[in-house]
Amino acid sequence: MTAGAALDVVELAAGVVLAGAVLALWRKDLRALISVLALQGAALASLAAVLAVGDGDVGLGVVAGVVLVTKGLVIPGLLTRVVRADPGSRETAPLVNVPASLVAAAVLVVLSYLVAGRLTALFPDPLTRLVPLGLATVLVGVFVLVTRRKAVSQIVGLLLVDNGVALVAFLLTAGVPLLVELGTSLDVLLVVVVLQVLATTMRARFGHVDLDQLRELHD
C-alpha cells in the first residue's frame, strides 16, 4: 500500500469515528447506537492495522486485532444482549432534543479544532491534523453521557469517549503499547459486563432500566 493510499484510509477511518459519534446523537434506537459502536471499533482497528503495516510494527498489528475483537465484536455483542431483553429499547426523552444535540455537536467540533489548532501548528504532520476529530469524538461522547437517560445510552457515551481517546492515541503516537491497550479494553469490557448484570437485575425488579424513573423512586 502506498503512503498516499494509507493516509486516505487513516483519514476515512478517523472521519468514520467522528461521524459515528454524531450519529449517536441523531438515533434514538439503542440497537442503532450499538451498531455505531461496532462501526467505530472496525474503523479504529482498520486505522491501527494500516499504521502497523506502514511502520512494520507487529505489536501495533496485535493491538489492531484486540481493538477489532473487543470494540468491534465483544462489547457490541454484550450490549445487544442487554437491549434485546429491554422492550423499551429507545431513548424517547433525552435531556436535550435531537436538533439541539446536533447543533451542540457542531459547536463541539469547531471547539475541538480551535483547541487543537496550536498542536497541529507545532507539529504539521498529516496524522496530527486529524487529532481534532478524536478530540471532538471525546467531547460528543461526554455530551451523550450527560444528556441521555437510558443506562445503555450512557454506557454508549462512555464508550464514545474511550474510542475518541484511542483515536487520539493512535494519531499522536502511531499506536499505544499492547499492554496499555489490553488493560484499557479489559477495563471497558468489565464496565459493560457490570452494566449487563445491573440491567438484568433492574429489569427483574422494576421492569425497566430508565435511570430517571429510578431516581424518582429514590425520591
C-alpha atoms as a PDB file:
ATOM      1  CA  MET A   1       0.000   0.000   0.000  1.00  0.00           C
ATOM      2  CA  THR A   2       1.385   3.391  -0.970  1.00  0.00           C
ATOM      3  CA  ALA A   3       1.799   6.181   1.580  1.00  0.00           C
ATOM      4  CA  GLY A   4      -0.950   8.197  -0.082  1.00  0.00           C
ATOM      5  CA  ALA A   5      -3.406   5.291  -0.008  1.00  0.00           C
ATOM      6  CA  ALA A   6      -2.545   4.549   3.615  1.00  0.00           C
ATOM      7  CA  LEU A   7      -3.192   8.168   4.567  1.00  0.00           C
ATOM      8  CA  ASP A   8      -6.537   8.058   2.746  1.00  0.00           C
ATOM      9  CA  VAL A   9      -7.563   5.010   4.775  1.00  0.00           C
ATOM     10  CA  VAL A  10      -6.484   6.662   8.033  1.00  0.00           C
ATOM     11  CA  GLU A  11      -8.426   9.838   7.206  1.00  0.00           C
ATOM     12  CA  LEU A  12     -11.506   7.809   6.284  1.00  0.00           C
ATOM     13  CA  ALA A  13     -11.310   5.771   9.486  1.00  0.00           C
ATOM     14  CA  ALA A  14     -10.915   8.893  11.646  1.00  0.00           C
ATOM     15  CA  GLY A  15     -13.862  10.505   9.870  1.00  0.00           C
ATOM     16  CA  VAL A  16     -15.979   7.397  10.464  1.00  0.00           C
ATOM     17  CA  VAL A  17     -15.214   7.521  14.195  1.00  0.00           C
ATOM     18  CA  LEU A  18     -16.398  11.138  14.465  1.00  0.00           C
ATOM     19  CA  ALA A  19     -19.392  10.557  12.175  1.00  0.00           C
ATOM     20  CA  GLY A  20     -20.407   7.647  14.391  1.00  0.00           C
ATOM     21  CA  ALA A  21     -20.337   9.873  17.461  1.00  0.00           C
ATOM     22  CA  VAL A  22     -22.564  12.461  15.752  1.00  0.00           C
ATOM     23  CA  LEU A  23     -24.858   9.690  14.527  1.00  0.00           C
ATOM     24  CA  ALA A  24     -25.263   8.542  18.132  1.00  0.00           C
ATOM     25  CA  LEU A  25     -26.873  11.917  18.884  1.00  0.00           C
ATOM     26  CA  TRP A  26     -29.292  11.544  15.983  1.00  0.00           C
ATOM     27  CA  ARG A  27     -30.523   7.969  16.503  1.00  0.00           C
ATOM     28  CA  LYS A  28     -32.779   7.102  19.445  1.00  0.00           C
ATOM     29  CA  ASP A  29     -32.926   3.349  18.856  1.00  0.00           C
ATOM     30  CA  LEU A  30     -30.407   1.763  21.205  1.00  0.00           C
ATOM     31  CA  ARG A  31     -29.740  -1.038  18.713  1.00  0.00           C
ATOM     32  CA  ALA A  32     -28.647   1.571  16.185  1.00  0.00           C
ATOM     33  CA  LEU A  33     -26.298   3.056  18.787  1.00  0.00           C
ATOM     34  CA  ILE A  34     -24.702  -0.341  19.292  1.00  0.00           C
ATOM     35  CA  SER A  35     -24.211  -0.658  15.533  1.00  0.00           C
ATOM     36  CA  VAL A  36     -22.458   2.722  15.626  1.00  0.00           C
ATOM     37  CA  LEU A  37     -20.064   1.411  18.299  1.00  0.00           C
ATOM     38  CA  ALA A  38     -19.313  -1.682  16.216  1.00  0.00           C
ATOM     39  CA  LEU A  39     -18.613   0.520  13.191  1.00  0.00           C
ATOM     40  CA  GLN A  40     -16.281   2.713  15.242  1.00  0.00           C
ATOM     41  CA  GLY A  41     -14.466  -0.358  16.529  1.00  0.00           C
ATOM     42  CA  ALA A  42     -13.920  -1.618  12.982  1.00  0.00           C
ATOM     43  CA  ALA A  43     -12.708   1.840  11.885  1.00  0.00           C
ATOM     44  CA  LEU A  44     -10.226   2.078  14.766  1.00  0.00           C
ATOM     45  CA  ALA A  45      -8.947  -1.425  14.045  1.00  0.00           C
ATOM     46  CA  SER A  46      -8.502  -0.559  10.364  1.00  0.00           C
ATOM     47  CA  LEU A  47      -6.608   2.611  11.277  1.00  0.00           C
ATOM     48  CA  ALA A  48      -4.297   0.731  13.636  1.00  0.00           C
ATOM     49  CA  ALA A  49      -3.733  -2.013  11.051  1.00  0.00           C
ATOM     50  CA  VAL A  50      -2.751   0.498   8.374  1.00  0.00           C
ATOM     51  CA  LEU A  51      -0.314   2.205  10.751  1.00  0.00           C
ATOM     52  CA  ALA A  52       1.106  -1.201  11.721  1.00  0.00           C
ATOM     53  CA  VAL A  53       1.727  -2.141   8.085  1.00  0.00           C
ATOM     54  CA  GLY A  54       3.265   1.248   7.330  1.00  0.00           C
ATOM     55  CA  ASP A  55       5.642   1.103  10.307  1.00  0.00           C
ATOM     56  CA  GLY A  56       6.245  -2.639  10.209  1.00  0.00           C
ATOM     57  CA  ASP A  57       5.114  -2.785  13.844  1.00  0.00           C
ATOM     58  CA  VAL A  58       3.958  -6.275  14.843  1.00  0.00           C
ATOM     59  CA  GLY A  59       2.818  -5.102  18.284  1.00  0.00           C
ATOM     60  CA  LEU A  60       0.570  -2.480  16.753  1.00  0.00           C
ATOM     61  CA  GLY A  61      -0.845  -5.150  14.471  1.00  0.00           C
ATOM     62  CA  VAL A  62      -1.779  -7.180  17.552  1.00  0.00           C
ATOM     63  CA  VAL A  63      -3.366  -4.070  19.051  1.00  0.00           C
ATOM     64  CA  ALA A  64      -5.452  -3.719  15.876  1.00  0.00           C
ATOM     65  CA  GLY A  65      -6.708  -7.268  16.375  1.00  0.00           C
ATOM     66  CA  VAL A  66      -7.506  -6.607  20.044  1.00  0.00           C
ATOM     67  CA  VAL A  67      -9.434  -3.462  19.125  1.00  0.00           C
ATOM     68  CA  LEU A  68     -11.412  -5.310  16.458  1.00  0.00           C
ATOM     69  CA  VAL A  69     -12.367  -8.144  18.789  1.00  0.00           C
ATOM     70  CA  THR A  70     -13.208  -6.060  21.870  1.00  0.00           C
ATOM     71  CA  LYS A  71     -14.591  -2.824  20.435  1.00  0.00           C
ATOM     72  CA  GLY A  72     -15.986  -4.228  17.199  1.00  0.00           C
ATOM     73  CA  LEU A  73     -17.413  -7.573  18.334  1.00  0.00           C
ATOM     74  CA  VAL A  74     -17.456  -8.457  22.045  1.00  0.00           C
ATOM     75  CA  ILE A  75     -18.655  -5.185  23.597  1.00  0.00           C
ATOM     76  CA  PRO A  76     -21.380  -4.537  20.960  1.00  0.00           C
ATOM     77  CA  GLY A  77     -22.459  -8.170  21.366  1.00  0.00           C
ATOM     78  CA  LEU A  78     -22.849  -7.807  25.138  1.00  0.00           C
ATOM     79  CA  LEU A  79     -24.775  -4.557  24.770  1.00  0.00           C
ATOM     80  CA  THR A  80     -27.030  -6.185  22.174  1.00  0.00           C
ATOM     81  CA  ARG A  81     -27.964  -8.848  24.723  1.00  0.00           C
ATOM     82  CA  VAL A  82     -28.922  -6.122  27.222  1.00  0.00           C
ATOM     83  CA  VAL A  83     -31.044  -4.256  24.677  1.00  0.00           C
ATOM     84  CA  ARG A  84     -32.820  -7.365  23.383  1.00  0.00           C
ATOM     85  CA  ALA A  85     -34.094  -8.057  26.889  1.00  0.00           C
ATOM     86  CA  ASP A  86     -35.439  -4.486  27.222  1.00  0.00           C
ATOM     87  CA  PRO A  87     -38.767  -3.938  25.421  1.00  0.00           C
ATOM     88  CA  GLY A  88     -38.361  -0.154  25.606  1.00  0.00           C
ATOM     89  CA  SER A  89     -35.017  -0.004  23.810  1.00  0.00           C
ATOM     90  CA  ARG A  90     -35.356   3.610  22.688  1.00  0.00           C
ATOM     91  CA  GLU A  91     -34.095   6.880  24.124  1.00  0.00           C
ATOM     92  CA  THR A  92     -37.515   8.530  23.973  1.00  0.00           C
ATOM     93  CA  ALA A  93     -36.895  11.636  26.060  1.00  0.00           C
ATOM     94  CA  PRO A  94     -33.257  12.790  26.192  1.00  0.00           C
ATOM     95  CA  LEU A  95     -32.496  15.869  28.257  1.00  0.00           C
ATOM     96  CA  VAL A  96     -31.558  17.692  25.022  1.00  0.00           C
ATOM     97  CA  ASN A  97     -33.606  17.048  21.880  1.00  0.00           C
ATOM     98  CA  VAL A  98     -32.076  15.795  18.639  1.00  0.00           C
ATOM     99  CA  PRO A  99     -31.891  19.120  16.701  1.00  0.00           C
ATOM    100  CA  ALA A 100     -30.295  20.912  19.636  1.00  0.00           C
ATOM    101  CA  SER A 101     -27.918  17.972  20.155  1.00  0.00           C
ATOM    102  CA  LEU A 102     -26.749  18.153  16.539  1.00  0.00           C
ATOM    103  CA  VAL A 103     -26.151  21.889  16.877  1.00  0.00           C
ATOM    104  CA  ALA A 104     -24.177  21.211  20.054  1.00  0.00           C
ATOM    105  CA  ALA A 105     -22.137  18.586  18.177  1.00  0.00           C
ATOM    106  CA  ALA A 106     -21.249  21.144  15.502  1.00  0.00           C
ATOM    107  CA  VAL A 107     -20.132  23.579  18.205  1.00  0.00           C
ATOM    108  CA  LEU A 108     -18.028  20.876  19.857  1.00  0.00           C
ATOM    109  CA  VAL A 109     -16.336  20.022  16.547  1.00  0.00           C
ATOM    110  CA  VAL A 110     -15.454  23.690  15.976  1.00  0.00           C
ATOM    111  CA  LEU A 111     -14.211  23.944  19.571  1.00  0.00           C
ATOM    112  CA  SER A 112     -12.037  20.871  19.056  1.00  0.00           C
ATOM    113  CA  TYR A 113     -10.361  22.437  16.033  1.00  0.00           C
ATOM    114  CA  LEU A 114      -9.770  25.654  17.951  1.00  0.00           C
ATOM    115  CA  VAL A 115      -8.296  23.848  20.956  1.00  0.00           C
ATOM    116  CA  ALA A 116      -6.106  21.534  18.870  1.00  0.00           C
ATOM    117  CA  GLY A 117      -5.099  24.278  16.457  1.00  0.00           C
ATOM    118  CA  ARG A 118      -1.854  25.096  18.270  1.00  0.00           C
ATOM    119  CA  LEU A 119      -0.866  21.443  18.417  1.00  0.00           C
ATOM    120  CA  THR A 120      -1.393  20.928  14.703  1.00  0.00           C
ATOM    121  CA  ALA A 121       0.535  24.156  14.015  1.00  0.00           C
ATOM    122  CA  LEU A 122       3.512  22.993  16.077  1.00  0.00           C
ATOM    123  CA  PHE A 123       3.518  19.532  14.510  1.00  0.00           C
ATOM    124  CA  PRO A 124       2.222  19.883  10.934  1.00  0.00           C
ATOM    125  CA  ASP A 125       2.074  16.151  10.371  1.00  0.00           C
ATOM    126  CA  PRO A 126      -0.726  14.513   8.302  1.00  0.00           C
ATOM    127  CA  LEU A 127      -1.721  12.391  11.294  1.00  0.00           C
ATOM    128  CA  THR A 128      -1.603  15.292  13.750  1.00  0.00           C
ATOM    129  CA  ARG A 129      -4.040  17.223  11.570  1.00  0.00           C
ATOM    130  CA  LEU A 130      -6.637  14.556  12.334  1.00  0.00           C
ATOM    131  CA  VAL A 131      -6.343  14.889  16.134  1.00  0.00           C
ATOM    132  CA  PRO A 132      -9.306  17.353  16.339  1.00  0.00           C
ATOM    133  CA  LEU A 133     -11.538  14.517  15.080  1.00  0.00           C
ATOM    134  CA  GLY A 134     -10.570  12.397  18.072  1.00  0.00           C
ATOM    135  CA  LEU A 135     -10.978  15.291  20.486  1.00  0.00           C
ATOM    136  CA  ALA A 136     -14.400  16.076  19.027  1.00  0.00           C
ATOM    137  CA  THR A 137     -15.399  12.424  19.485  1.00  0.00           C
ATOM    138  CA  VAL A 138     -14.418  12.636  23.157  1.00  0.00           C
ATOM    139  CA  LEU A 139     -16.485  15.807  23.666  1.00  0.00           C
ATOM    140  CA  VAL A 140     -19.509  14.382  21.861  1.00  0.00           C
ATOM    141  CA  GLY A 141     -19.209  11.234  23.982  1.00  0.00           C
ATOM    142  CA  VAL A 142     -19.266  13.336  27.158  1.00  0.00           C
ATOM    143  CA  PHE A 143     -22.315  15.167  25.805  1.00  0.00           C
ATOM    144  CA  VAL A 144     -24.091  11.845  25.198  1.00  0.00           C
ATOM    145  CA  LEU A 145     -23.098  10.680  28.666  1.00  0.00           C
ATOM    146  CA  VAL A 146     -24.690  13.669  30.429  1.00  0.00           C
ATOM    147  CA  THR A 147     -27.802  14.144  28.272  1.00  0.00           C
ATOM    148  CA  ARG A 148     -29.130  10.603  27.855  1.00  0.00           C
ATOM    149  CA  ARG A 149     -31.338   8.842  30.391  1.00  0.00           C
ATOM    150  CA  LYS A 150     -31.141   5.162  29.486  1.00  0.00           C
ATOM    151  CA  ALA A 151     -28.361   3.231  31.165  1.00  0.00           C
ATOM    152  CA  VAL A 152     -27.301   1.752  27.812  1.00  0.00           C
ATOM    153  CA  SER A 153     -27.207   5.223  26.238  1.00  0.00           C
ATOM    154  CA  GLN A 154     -24.909   6.430  28.987  1.00  0.00           C
ATOM    155  CA  ILE A 155     -22.559   3.494  28.575  1.00  0.00           C
ATOM    156  CA  VAL A 156     -22.540   4.274  24.845  1.00  0.00           C
ATOM    157  CA  GLY A 157     -21.389   7.787  25.753  1.00  0.00           C
ATOM    158  CA  LEU A 158     -18.591   6.326  27.877  1.00  0.00           C
ATOM    159  CA  LEU A 159     -17.514   4.077  25.006  1.00  0.00           C
ATOM    160  CA  LEU A 160     -17.536   7.027  22.601  1.00  0.00           C
ATOM    161  CA  VAL A 161     -15.157   8.832  24.948  1.00  0.00           C
ATOM    162  CA  ASP A 162     -12.927   5.754  25.044  1.00  0.00           C
ATOM    163  CA  ASN A 163     -12.940   5.476  21.243  1.00  0.00           C
ATOM    164  CA  GLY A 164     -12.056   9.154  20.907  1.00  0.00           C
ATOM    165  CA  VAL A 165      -9.134   8.765  23.315  1.00  0.00           C
ATOM    166  CA  ALA A 166      -7.946   5.697  21.378  1.00  0.00           C
ATOM    167  CA  LEU A 167      -8.126   7.640  18.110  1.00  0.00           C
ATOM    168  CA  VAL A 168      -6.019  10.476  19.518  1.00  0.00           C
ATOM    169  CA  ALA A 169      -3.500   7.965  20.898  1.00  0.00           C
ATOM    170  CA  PHE A 170      -3.151   6.220  17.541  1.00  0.00           C
ATOM    171  CA  LEU A 171      -2.708   9.506  15.689  1.00  0.00           C
ATOM    172  CA  LEU A 172      -0.201  11.099  18.072  1.00  0.00           C
ATOM    173  CA  THR A 173       1.921   8.057  18.923  1.00  0.00           C
ATOM    174  CA  ALA A 174       1.306   5.814  15.886  1.00  0.00           C
ATOM    175  CA  GLY A 175      -0.276   3.398  18.310  1.00  0.00           C
ATOM    176  CA  VAL A 176      -0.207   2.531  22.002  1.00  0.00           C
ATOM    177  CA  PRO A 177       1.705  -0.229  23.793  1.00  0.00           C
ATOM    178  CA  LEU A 178      -0.023  -3.592  23.664  1.00  0.00           C
ATOM    179  CA  LEU A 179      -0.308  -3.919  27.443  1.00  0.00           C
ATOM    180  CA  VAL A 180      -1.897  -0.460  27.711  1.00  0.00           C
ATOM    181  CA  GLU A 181      -4.496  -1.283  25.069  1.00  0.00           C
ATOM    182  CA  LEU A 182      -5.203  -4.662  26.638  1.00  0.00           C
ATOM    183  CA  GLY A 183      -5.670  -3.039  30.046  1.00  0.00           C
ATOM    184  CA  THR A 184      -7.971  -0.368  28.668  1.00  0.00           C
ATOM    185  CA  SER A 185     -10.026  -2.849  26.668  1.00  0.00           C
ATOM    186  CA  LEU A 186     -10.417  -5.135  29.666  1.00  0.00           C
ATOM    187  CA  ASP A 187     -11.498  -2.191  31.842  1.00  0.00           C
ATOM    188  CA  VAL A 188     -14.147  -1.149  29.324  1.00  0.00           C
ATOM    189  CA  LEU A 189     -15.242  -4.757  28.893  1.00  0.00           C
ATOM    190  CA  LEU A 190     -15.608  -5.074  32.670  1.00  0.00           C
ATOM    191  CA  VAL A 191     -17.798  -1.954  32.734  1.00  0.00           C
ATOM    192  CA  VAL A 192     -20.055  -3.419  30.051  1.00  0.00           C
ATOM    193  CA  VAL A 193     -20.307  -6.759  31.857  1.00  0.00           C
ATOM    194  CA  VAL A 194     -21.239  -4.962  35.093  1.00  0.00           C
ATOM    195  CA  LEU A 195     -23.834  -2.972  33.140  1.00  0.00           C
ATOM    196  CA  GLN A 196     -25.320  -6.181  31.804  1.00  0.00           C
ATOM    197  CA  VAL A 197     -25.645  -7.635  35.305  1.00  0.00           C
ATOM    198  CA  LEU A 198     -27.132  -4.411  36.709  1.00  0.00           C
ATOM    199  CA  ALA A 199     -29.530  -4.023  33.790  1.00  0.00           C
ATOM    200  CA  THR A 200     -30.767  -7.591  34.249  1.00  0.00           C
ATOM    201  CA  THR A 201     -31.288  -7.006  37.981  1.00  0.00           C
ATOM    202  CA  MET A 202     -33.011  -3.645  37.456  1.00  0.00           C
ATOM    203  CA  ARG A 203     -35.317  -5.080  34.811  1.00  0.00           C
ATOM    204  CA  ALA A 204     -36.255  -8.017  37.052  1.00  0.00           C
ATOM    205  CA  ARG A 205     -37.138  -5.692  39.951  1.00  0.00           C
ATOM    206  CA  PHE A 206     -38.509  -2.584  38.245  1.00  0.00           C
ATOM    207  CA  GLY A 207     -39.332  -3.681  34.683  1.00  0.00           C
ATOM    208  CA  HIS A 208     -37.081  -1.041  33.042  1.00  0.00           C
ATOM    209  CA  VAL A 209     -33.617   0.470  33.071  1.00  0.00           C
ATOM    210  CA  ASP A 210     -34.593   4.142  32.849  1.00  0.00           C
ATOM    211  CA  LEU A 211     -32.342   5.944  35.340  1.00  0.00           C
ATOM    212  CA  ASP A 212     -34.676   8.928  35.751  1.00  0.00           C
ATOM    213  CA  GLN A 213     -37.532   6.689  36.866  1.00  0.00           C
ATOM    214  CA  LEU A 214     -35.233   5.038  39.381  1.00  0.00           C
ATOM    215  CA  ARG A 215     -34.276   8.455  40.764  1.00  0.00           C
ATOM    216  CA  GLU A 216     -37.986   9.235  41.184  1.00  0.00           C
ATOM    217  CA  LEU A 217     -38.396   6.000  43.145  1.00  0.00           C
ATOM    218  CA  HIS A 218     -35.475   7.046  45.362  1.00  0.00           C
ATOM    219  CA  ASP A 219     -37.017  10.463  45.976  1.00  0.00           C
END
